[in-house]
N, C-alpha and C. Protein backbone atom coordinates (compact mmCIF):
# COMPACT_ATOMS: atom_id res chain seq x y z
N MET A 1 -5.29 -1.90 -0.89
CA MET A 1 -5.13 -1.16 0.35
C MET A 1 -5.19 -2.16 1.49
N LEU A 2 -4.26 -2.02 2.39
CA LEU A 2 -4.17 -2.93 3.51
C LEU A 2 -3.90 -2.10 4.76
N PRO A 3 -4.93 -1.77 5.52
CA PRO A 3 -4.71 -0.95 6.72
C PRO A 3 -3.80 -1.64 7.73
N ILE A 4 -3.09 -0.85 8.49
CA ILE A 4 -2.27 -1.36 9.59
C ILE A 4 -3.16 -1.33 10.83
N ASP A 5 -3.15 -2.42 11.56
CA ASP A 5 -4.01 -2.57 12.74
C ASP A 5 -3.14 -2.81 13.96
N LEU A 6 -3.76 -2.98 15.09
CA LEU A 6 -3.07 -3.32 16.34
C LEU A 6 -3.62 -4.64 16.84
N ASP A 7 -2.72 -5.52 17.33
CA ASP A 7 -3.19 -6.77 17.92
C ASP A 7 -3.49 -6.56 19.40
N ASP A 8 -3.81 -7.63 20.11
CA ASP A 8 -4.17 -7.53 21.52
C ASP A 8 -3.03 -7.05 22.42
N GLN A 9 -1.79 -7.20 21.94
CA GLN A 9 -0.63 -6.74 22.71
C GLN A 9 -0.20 -5.33 22.29
N GLY A 10 -0.95 -4.69 21.42
CA GLY A 10 -0.62 -3.34 20.98
C GLY A 10 0.47 -3.30 19.92
N ARG A 11 0.73 -4.43 19.27
CA ARG A 11 1.74 -4.49 18.20
C ARG A 11 1.06 -4.25 16.86
N TYR A 12 1.80 -3.62 15.96
CA TYR A 12 1.28 -3.36 14.62
C TYR A 12 1.21 -4.65 13.82
N VAL A 13 0.08 -4.85 13.14
CA VAL A 13 -0.14 -6.01 12.27
C VAL A 13 -0.91 -5.55 11.03
N PRO A 14 -0.68 -6.22 9.90
CA PRO A 14 -1.51 -5.90 8.73
C PRO A 14 -2.97 -6.24 9.02
N GLY A 15 -3.86 -5.32 8.68
CA GLY A 15 -5.28 -5.52 8.90
C GLY A 15 -5.96 -6.12 7.68
N ASP A 16 -7.27 -6.05 7.68
CA ASP A 16 -8.07 -6.54 6.56
C ASP A 16 -8.24 -5.42 5.55
N GLY A 17 -7.88 -5.70 4.33
CA GLY A 17 -7.94 -4.68 3.31
C GLY A 17 -8.88 -5.02 2.19
N ALA A 18 -8.67 -4.36 1.08
CA ALA A 18 -9.49 -4.56 -0.10
C ALA A 18 -8.63 -4.30 -1.33
N SER A 19 -8.95 -5.01 -2.40
CA SER A 19 -8.24 -4.79 -3.66
C SER A 19 -9.21 -4.97 -4.81
N THR A 20 -8.83 -4.45 -5.94
CA THR A 20 -9.63 -4.59 -7.14
C THR A 20 -8.76 -4.27 -8.36
N HIS A 21 -9.14 -4.82 -9.47
CA HIS A 21 -8.51 -4.42 -10.72
C HIS A 21 -9.20 -3.13 -11.17
N VAL A 22 -8.46 -2.29 -11.88
CA VAL A 22 -8.96 -0.98 -12.29
C VAL A 22 -8.89 -0.84 -13.81
N VAL A 23 -9.95 -0.29 -14.38
CA VAL A 23 -9.95 0.03 -15.80
C VAL A 23 -9.06 1.26 -15.97
N PRO A 24 -8.03 1.18 -16.82
CA PRO A 24 -7.17 2.37 -17.02
C PRO A 24 -7.99 3.56 -17.52
N ALA A 25 -7.66 4.73 -17.02
CA ALA A 25 -8.34 5.95 -17.44
C ALA A 25 -8.13 6.18 -18.93
N GLU A 26 -9.12 6.78 -19.54
CA GLU A 26 -9.06 7.13 -20.96
C GLU A 26 -7.79 7.92 -21.24
N GLY A 27 -7.05 7.51 -22.25
CA GLY A 27 -5.84 8.21 -22.66
C GLY A 27 -4.58 7.85 -21.88
N THR A 28 -4.70 6.95 -20.91
CA THR A 28 -3.54 6.53 -20.13
C THR A 28 -2.54 5.80 -21.03
N GLN A 29 -1.29 6.19 -20.96
CA GLN A 29 -0.25 5.51 -21.71
C GLN A 29 0.40 4.49 -20.78
N ILE A 30 0.31 3.24 -21.17
CA ILE A 30 0.81 2.15 -20.34
C ILE A 30 1.99 1.51 -21.04
N ASP A 31 3.10 1.45 -20.34
CA ASP A 31 4.32 0.85 -20.89
C ASP A 31 4.15 -0.66 -20.94
N PRO A 32 4.27 -1.27 -22.12
CA PRO A 32 4.13 -2.73 -22.23
C PRO A 32 5.11 -3.49 -21.34
N LYS A 33 6.29 -2.92 -21.08
CA LYS A 33 7.26 -3.58 -20.20
C LYS A 33 6.73 -3.65 -18.77
N SER A 34 6.00 -2.62 -18.35
CA SER A 34 5.40 -2.64 -17.01
C SER A 34 4.37 -3.76 -16.91
N LEU A 35 3.57 -3.91 -17.94
CA LEU A 35 2.58 -4.99 -17.94
C LEU A 35 3.26 -6.35 -17.91
N GLU A 36 4.37 -6.46 -18.60
CA GLU A 36 5.13 -7.72 -18.62
C GLU A 36 5.67 -8.04 -17.23
N ILE A 37 6.22 -7.04 -16.55
CA ILE A 37 6.79 -7.23 -15.22
C ILE A 37 5.71 -7.61 -14.22
N THR A 38 4.57 -6.94 -14.29
CA THR A 38 3.51 -7.18 -13.32
C THR A 38 2.62 -8.36 -13.67
N GLY A 39 2.68 -8.80 -14.94
CA GLY A 39 1.85 -9.91 -15.38
C GLY A 39 0.40 -9.52 -15.62
N ILE A 40 0.14 -8.22 -15.74
CA ILE A 40 -1.24 -7.76 -15.95
C ILE A 40 -1.61 -7.93 -17.42
N ASP A 41 -2.76 -8.54 -17.63
CA ASP A 41 -3.34 -8.68 -18.96
C ASP A 41 -4.62 -7.85 -18.96
N LEU A 42 -4.55 -6.65 -19.52
CA LEU A 42 -5.68 -5.73 -19.48
C LEU A 42 -6.93 -6.29 -20.16
N ASP A 43 -6.75 -7.24 -21.07
CA ASP A 43 -7.87 -7.79 -21.81
C ASP A 43 -8.33 -9.15 -21.30
N HIS A 44 -7.81 -9.59 -20.16
CA HIS A 44 -8.20 -10.90 -19.63
C HIS A 44 -9.69 -10.89 -19.29
N PRO A 45 -10.44 -11.91 -19.75
CA PRO A 45 -11.89 -11.91 -19.55
C PRO A 45 -12.33 -12.03 -18.09
N PHE A 46 -11.46 -12.53 -17.20
CA PHE A 46 -11.84 -12.69 -15.79
C PHE A 46 -11.23 -11.61 -14.90
N ARG A 47 -10.70 -10.56 -15.51
CA ARG A 47 -10.07 -9.48 -14.75
C ARG A 47 -11.11 -8.70 -13.94
N MET A 48 -12.30 -8.55 -14.46
CA MET A 48 -13.40 -7.86 -13.77
C MET A 48 -12.97 -6.52 -13.18
N ALA A 49 -12.31 -5.72 -14.00
CA ALA A 49 -11.82 -4.41 -13.56
C ALA A 49 -12.98 -3.44 -13.36
N ARG A 50 -12.79 -2.54 -12.42
CA ARG A 50 -13.79 -1.52 -12.10
C ARG A 50 -13.32 -0.16 -12.61
N PRO A 51 -14.24 0.70 -12.96
CA PRO A 51 -13.87 2.09 -13.27
C PRO A 51 -13.21 2.73 -12.05
N GLU A 52 -12.39 3.74 -12.27
CA GLU A 52 -11.60 4.33 -11.19
C GLU A 52 -12.44 4.76 -9.99
N ARG A 53 -13.52 5.46 -10.22
CA ARG A 53 -14.34 5.95 -9.11
C ARG A 53 -14.88 4.80 -8.26
N GLU A 54 -15.38 3.77 -8.93
CA GLU A 54 -15.90 2.60 -8.23
C GLU A 54 -14.79 1.86 -7.48
N ALA A 55 -13.61 1.78 -8.10
CA ALA A 55 -12.47 1.14 -7.45
C ALA A 55 -12.06 1.90 -6.19
N LEU A 56 -12.04 3.23 -6.27
CA LEU A 56 -11.71 4.03 -5.08
C LEU A 56 -12.73 3.81 -3.98
N ASP A 57 -14.02 3.83 -4.32
CA ASP A 57 -15.05 3.60 -3.30
C ASP A 57 -14.83 2.26 -2.61
N HIS A 58 -14.48 1.24 -3.39
CA HIS A 58 -14.26 -0.10 -2.83
C HIS A 58 -13.09 -0.14 -1.86
N VAL A 59 -11.93 0.36 -2.28
CA VAL A 59 -10.75 0.25 -1.41
C VAL A 59 -10.75 1.29 -0.30
N PHE A 60 -11.34 2.46 -0.55
CA PHE A 60 -11.39 3.48 0.50
C PHE A 60 -12.30 3.04 1.65
N ALA A 61 -13.27 2.17 1.40
CA ALA A 61 -14.15 1.68 2.48
C ALA A 61 -13.32 1.00 3.57
N ALA A 62 -12.34 0.19 3.19
CA ALA A 62 -11.49 -0.49 4.18
C ALA A 62 -10.64 0.52 4.94
N VAL A 63 -10.15 1.53 4.25
CA VAL A 63 -9.34 2.56 4.90
C VAL A 63 -10.19 3.36 5.87
N ARG A 64 -11.38 3.76 5.45
CA ARG A 64 -12.27 4.53 6.33
C ARG A 64 -12.66 3.73 7.57
N ALA A 65 -12.87 2.44 7.40
CA ALA A 65 -13.21 1.58 8.55
C ALA A 65 -12.07 1.59 9.56
N ALA A 66 -10.83 1.53 9.09
CA ALA A 66 -9.67 1.56 9.99
C ALA A 66 -9.54 2.93 10.66
N VAL A 67 -9.79 3.99 9.92
CA VAL A 67 -9.73 5.35 10.48
C VAL A 67 -10.75 5.49 11.61
N ARG A 68 -11.97 5.03 11.37
CA ARG A 68 -13.02 5.08 12.41
C ARG A 68 -12.64 4.21 13.61
N LYS A 69 -12.17 3.01 13.34
CA LYS A 69 -11.83 2.06 14.42
C LYS A 69 -10.81 2.65 15.39
N HIS A 70 -9.85 3.39 14.85
CA HIS A 70 -8.77 3.91 15.69
C HIS A 70 -8.96 5.38 16.08
N GLY A 71 -10.12 5.95 15.73
CA GLY A 71 -10.43 7.33 16.14
C GLY A 71 -9.54 8.37 15.50
N CYS A 72 -9.14 8.12 14.28
CA CYS A 72 -8.26 9.05 13.57
C CYS A 72 -9.06 10.01 12.69
N GLN A 73 -8.42 11.08 12.30
CA GLN A 73 -9.02 12.03 11.36
C GLN A 73 -8.76 11.61 9.92
N ARG A 74 -7.52 11.18 9.64
CA ARG A 74 -7.10 10.79 8.30
C ARG A 74 -6.17 9.59 8.42
N ALA A 75 -6.04 8.88 7.29
CA ALA A 75 -5.09 7.77 7.21
C ALA A 75 -3.76 8.31 6.67
N ILE A 76 -2.69 7.68 7.07
CA ILE A 76 -1.36 7.99 6.52
C ILE A 76 -0.99 6.81 5.63
N LEU A 77 -0.71 7.09 4.37
CA LEU A 77 -0.36 6.02 3.44
C LEU A 77 1.01 5.46 3.79
N VAL A 78 1.09 4.15 3.90
CA VAL A 78 2.35 3.43 4.07
C VAL A 78 2.66 2.81 2.72
N GLY A 79 3.85 3.03 2.22
CA GLY A 79 4.20 2.46 0.93
C GLY A 79 5.70 2.37 0.75
N HIS A 80 6.10 1.61 -0.24
CA HIS A 80 7.51 1.51 -0.60
C HIS A 80 7.71 2.48 -1.76
N ASN A 81 8.35 3.60 -1.48
CA ASN A 81 8.37 4.78 -2.35
C ASN A 81 6.98 5.41 -2.27
N ALA A 82 6.58 5.71 -1.05
CA ALA A 82 5.21 6.10 -0.71
C ALA A 82 4.75 7.38 -1.38
N HIS A 83 5.64 8.32 -1.62
CA HIS A 83 5.20 9.56 -2.27
C HIS A 83 4.73 9.28 -3.70
N PHE A 84 5.36 8.33 -4.38
CA PHE A 84 4.88 7.92 -5.71
C PHE A 84 3.47 7.36 -5.59
N ASP A 85 3.25 6.45 -4.62
CA ASP A 85 1.94 5.84 -4.44
C ASP A 85 0.88 6.89 -4.10
N LEU A 86 1.21 7.81 -3.18
CA LEU A 86 0.26 8.84 -2.80
C LEU A 86 -0.04 9.76 -3.98
N GLY A 87 0.97 10.08 -4.77
CA GLY A 87 0.75 10.89 -5.96
C GLY A 87 -0.18 10.20 -6.94
N PHE A 88 -0.01 8.90 -7.08
CA PHE A 88 -0.87 8.11 -7.96
C PHE A 88 -2.31 8.13 -7.44
N VAL A 89 -2.49 7.87 -6.13
CA VAL A 89 -3.83 7.88 -5.53
C VAL A 89 -4.45 9.27 -5.68
N ASN A 90 -3.70 10.31 -5.37
CA ASN A 90 -4.23 11.66 -5.47
C ASN A 90 -4.62 12.02 -6.90
N ALA A 91 -3.86 11.54 -7.88
CA ALA A 91 -4.19 11.80 -9.29
C ALA A 91 -5.50 11.11 -9.67
N VAL A 92 -5.69 9.87 -9.22
CA VAL A 92 -6.92 9.15 -9.52
C VAL A 92 -8.11 9.83 -8.83
N VAL A 93 -7.90 10.26 -7.59
CA VAL A 93 -8.96 10.98 -6.86
C VAL A 93 -9.36 12.24 -7.62
N ALA A 94 -8.39 13.01 -8.07
CA ALA A 94 -8.68 14.24 -8.81
C ALA A 94 -9.34 13.95 -10.15
N ARG A 95 -8.82 12.98 -10.86
CA ARG A 95 -9.35 12.64 -12.18
C ARG A 95 -10.79 12.14 -12.11
N SER A 96 -11.11 11.39 -11.06
CA SER A 96 -12.44 10.81 -10.94
C SER A 96 -13.43 11.75 -10.24
N GLY A 97 -12.94 12.86 -9.70
CA GLY A 97 -13.81 13.79 -8.99
C GLY A 97 -14.23 13.28 -7.63
N HIS A 98 -13.49 12.33 -7.09
CA HIS A 98 -13.81 11.76 -5.77
C HIS A 98 -13.60 12.83 -4.70
N LYS A 99 -14.54 12.95 -3.79
CA LYS A 99 -14.47 14.00 -2.77
C LYS A 99 -14.08 13.50 -1.39
N ARG A 100 -13.96 12.19 -1.22
CA ARG A 100 -13.77 11.66 0.13
C ARG A 100 -12.50 10.81 0.25
N ASN A 101 -11.37 11.39 -0.07
CA ASN A 101 -10.09 10.70 0.05
C ASN A 101 -9.73 10.59 1.53
N PRO A 102 -9.61 9.38 2.07
CA PRO A 102 -9.32 9.24 3.50
C PRO A 102 -7.85 9.49 3.87
N PHE A 103 -6.98 9.62 2.85
CA PHE A 103 -5.56 9.78 3.13
C PHE A 103 -5.18 11.24 3.34
N HIS A 104 -4.23 11.44 4.25
CA HIS A 104 -3.65 12.76 4.43
C HIS A 104 -3.06 13.18 3.09
N PRO A 105 -3.19 14.44 2.70
CA PRO A 105 -2.80 14.83 1.34
C PRO A 105 -1.29 14.77 1.04
N PHE A 106 -0.43 14.77 2.07
CA PHE A 106 1.00 14.75 1.77
C PHE A 106 1.86 13.96 2.75
N SER A 107 1.33 13.52 3.86
CA SER A 107 2.14 12.77 4.83
C SER A 107 2.09 11.28 4.52
N VAL A 108 3.25 10.63 4.64
CA VAL A 108 3.36 9.20 4.36
C VAL A 108 4.37 8.57 5.33
N PHE A 109 4.31 7.24 5.44
CA PHE A 109 5.39 6.46 6.02
C PHE A 109 5.99 5.67 4.87
N ASP A 110 7.26 5.89 4.61
CA ASP A 110 7.92 5.28 3.45
C ASP A 110 8.84 4.16 3.91
N THR A 111 8.54 2.92 3.47
CA THR A 111 9.36 1.78 3.88
C THR A 111 10.70 1.74 3.16
N VAL A 112 10.90 2.55 2.12
CA VAL A 112 12.24 2.68 1.55
C VAL A 112 13.16 3.28 2.62
N THR A 113 12.71 4.37 3.20
CA THR A 113 13.49 5.05 4.25
C THR A 113 13.59 4.19 5.50
N LEU A 114 12.45 3.65 5.94
CA LEU A 114 12.45 2.85 7.16
C LEU A 114 13.31 1.59 7.01
N GLY A 115 13.22 0.93 5.85
CA GLY A 115 14.04 -0.26 5.61
C GLY A 115 15.52 0.09 5.57
N GLY A 116 15.84 1.26 5.00
CA GLY A 116 17.22 1.70 4.97
C GLY A 116 17.78 1.96 6.36
N ILE A 117 16.97 2.60 7.20
CA ILE A 117 17.40 2.90 8.56
C ILE A 117 17.49 1.63 9.40
N ALA A 118 16.46 0.81 9.35
CA ALA A 118 16.38 -0.37 10.23
C ALA A 118 17.27 -1.51 9.78
N TYR A 119 17.39 -1.72 8.46
CA TYR A 119 18.07 -2.91 7.96
C TYR A 119 19.19 -2.64 6.96
N GLY A 120 19.41 -1.38 6.63
CA GLY A 120 20.44 -1.05 5.65
C GLY A 120 20.07 -1.46 4.23
N GLN A 121 18.76 -1.66 3.98
CA GLN A 121 18.29 -2.10 2.67
C GLN A 121 17.13 -1.22 2.22
N THR A 122 17.20 -0.74 0.98
CA THR A 122 16.12 0.10 0.46
C THR A 122 15.30 -0.61 -0.62
N VAL A 123 15.81 -1.68 -1.19
CA VAL A 123 15.06 -2.47 -2.17
C VAL A 123 14.07 -3.33 -1.39
N LEU A 124 12.81 -3.35 -1.82
CA LEU A 124 11.77 -4.05 -1.05
C LEU A 124 12.14 -5.49 -0.75
N ALA A 125 12.55 -6.26 -1.76
CA ALA A 125 12.89 -7.67 -1.54
C ALA A 125 13.99 -7.82 -0.49
N ARG A 126 15.00 -7.02 -0.59
CA ARG A 126 16.13 -7.11 0.35
C ARG A 126 15.74 -6.67 1.76
N ALA A 127 14.95 -5.60 1.85
CA ALA A 127 14.52 -5.13 3.17
C ALA A 127 13.61 -6.15 3.84
N VAL A 128 12.71 -6.74 3.08
CA VAL A 128 11.81 -7.77 3.62
C VAL A 128 12.62 -8.95 4.14
N GLN A 129 13.58 -9.41 3.37
CA GLN A 129 14.41 -10.53 3.79
C GLN A 129 15.28 -10.16 4.99
N ALA A 130 15.81 -8.94 5.00
CA ALA A 130 16.63 -8.50 6.14
C ALA A 130 15.81 -8.43 7.42
N ALA A 131 14.49 -8.20 7.28
CA ALA A 131 13.60 -8.17 8.44
C ALA A 131 13.23 -9.57 8.91
N GLY A 132 13.70 -10.60 8.19
CA GLY A 132 13.41 -11.98 8.56
C GLY A 132 12.09 -12.49 8.02
N LEU A 133 11.54 -11.79 7.04
CA LEU A 133 10.27 -12.17 6.42
C LEU A 133 10.55 -12.92 5.12
N THR A 134 9.56 -13.66 4.66
CA THR A 134 9.75 -14.41 3.42
C THR A 134 9.51 -13.51 2.21
N TRP A 135 10.19 -13.85 1.11
CA TRP A 135 10.03 -13.14 -0.15
C TRP A 135 9.93 -14.17 -1.26
N ASN A 136 8.93 -14.04 -2.09
CA ASN A 136 8.71 -14.94 -3.21
C ASN A 136 8.86 -14.14 -4.50
N SER A 137 9.95 -14.33 -5.20
CA SER A 137 10.23 -13.57 -6.42
C SER A 137 9.19 -13.80 -7.51
N VAL A 138 8.55 -14.96 -7.51
CA VAL A 138 7.53 -15.25 -8.52
C VAL A 138 6.29 -14.38 -8.27
N GLU A 139 5.93 -14.17 -7.03
CA GLU A 139 4.75 -13.36 -6.68
C GLU A 139 5.04 -11.86 -6.72
N ALA A 140 6.31 -11.49 -6.65
CA ALA A 140 6.70 -10.08 -6.59
C ALA A 140 6.15 -9.30 -7.77
N HIS A 141 5.91 -8.06 -7.53
CA HIS A 141 5.41 -7.08 -8.51
C HIS A 141 3.91 -7.17 -8.74
N SER A 142 3.21 -8.08 -8.07
CA SER A 142 1.75 -7.97 -8.10
C SER A 142 1.40 -6.97 -7.01
N ALA A 143 0.41 -6.16 -7.26
CA ALA A 143 0.06 -5.10 -6.31
C ALA A 143 -0.31 -5.68 -4.94
N VAL A 144 -1.06 -6.76 -4.94
CA VAL A 144 -1.48 -7.35 -3.66
C VAL A 144 -0.28 -7.90 -2.90
N TYR A 145 0.59 -8.66 -3.57
CA TYR A 145 1.75 -9.24 -2.90
C TYR A 145 2.67 -8.14 -2.35
N ASP A 146 2.99 -7.17 -3.19
CA ASP A 146 3.89 -6.10 -2.74
C ASP A 146 3.27 -5.29 -1.61
N THR A 147 1.96 -5.09 -1.64
CA THR A 147 1.28 -4.39 -0.55
C THR A 147 1.38 -5.19 0.75
N GLU A 148 1.15 -6.48 0.67
CA GLU A 148 1.25 -7.33 1.86
C GLU A 148 2.66 -7.29 2.45
N ARG A 149 3.67 -7.42 1.60
CA ARG A 149 5.05 -7.42 2.10
C ARG A 149 5.45 -6.05 2.64
N THR A 150 4.97 -4.99 1.99
CA THR A 150 5.27 -3.64 2.48
C THR A 150 4.64 -3.44 3.85
N ALA A 151 3.40 -3.89 4.04
CA ALA A 151 2.74 -3.79 5.34
C ALA A 151 3.50 -4.59 6.40
N GLN A 152 3.92 -5.79 6.05
CA GLN A 152 4.67 -6.61 6.99
C GLN A 152 6.00 -5.95 7.35
N LEU A 153 6.66 -5.36 6.35
CA LEU A 153 7.93 -4.67 6.60
C LEU A 153 7.71 -3.48 7.54
N PHE A 154 6.69 -2.69 7.26
CA PHE A 154 6.40 -1.55 8.14
C PHE A 154 6.17 -2.03 9.57
N CYS A 155 5.36 -3.07 9.73
CA CYS A 155 5.07 -3.59 11.07
C CYS A 155 6.33 -4.09 11.76
N ALA A 156 7.20 -4.76 11.03
CA ALA A 156 8.46 -5.25 11.61
C ALA A 156 9.32 -4.10 12.12
N VAL A 157 9.43 -3.06 11.30
CA VAL A 157 10.23 -1.89 11.71
C VAL A 157 9.58 -1.21 12.91
N ALA A 158 8.28 -0.92 12.81
CA ALA A 158 7.58 -0.20 13.87
C ALA A 158 7.57 -0.98 15.19
N ASN A 159 7.38 -2.29 15.10
CA ASN A 159 7.34 -3.11 16.31
C ASN A 159 8.73 -3.28 16.93
N GLY A 160 9.77 -3.12 16.13
CA GLY A 160 11.12 -3.25 16.64
C GLY A 160 11.71 -1.96 17.17
N TRP A 161 10.98 -0.88 16.97
CA TRP A 161 11.46 0.44 17.38
C TRP A 161 11.31 0.62 18.87
N THR A 162 12.33 1.14 19.54
CA THR A 162 12.26 1.45 20.95
C THR A 162 12.17 2.96 21.09
N THR A 163 11.09 3.41 21.68
CA THR A 163 10.93 4.85 21.87
C THR A 163 11.71 5.29 23.11
N PRO A 164 12.13 6.55 23.16
CA PRO A 164 12.86 7.01 24.35
C PRO A 164 12.08 6.80 25.63
N ALA A 165 10.74 6.94 25.58
CA ALA A 165 9.93 6.75 26.80
C ALA A 165 9.94 5.29 27.24
N ALA A 166 10.12 4.36 26.29
CA ALA A 166 10.10 2.93 26.63
C ALA A 166 11.48 2.44 27.04
N ALA A 167 12.51 3.20 26.75
CA ALA A 167 13.89 2.76 27.03
C ALA A 167 14.23 2.85 28.50
């Protein structure tokens, strides 16, 4: 999780977030091809994965801090194919019995749509590059890297947007 923050000039910037490895829920079916693409080794001795509830507490703390800092009621998830991400988060919240989800239950900002509108690109790598940001194919598909690039893409689009009141 990487909250979006504001700099001294009022521009959107990626904030300070939190990440953790997660122990897959009992009975979860994991496609070996997905593990190959992401490079995840579920049995790696230094993975130090947390149970789902503990992982949520860890990453939600950063989100709640951002919500408090900006005087908001709820956070809006920003993601590339954000409804998939929110569905995943909501499923983990429900499965773990977590009662304090800081995210709005259905509203998102989706960088697939925003990248398509702003740059004519819906694939994350292409949209990031079209925004003038760097893309490293070797790092791609790690959750942390993709989260960082998605946050940077969102900020690039949002900071480049001219509102009718500002025009």
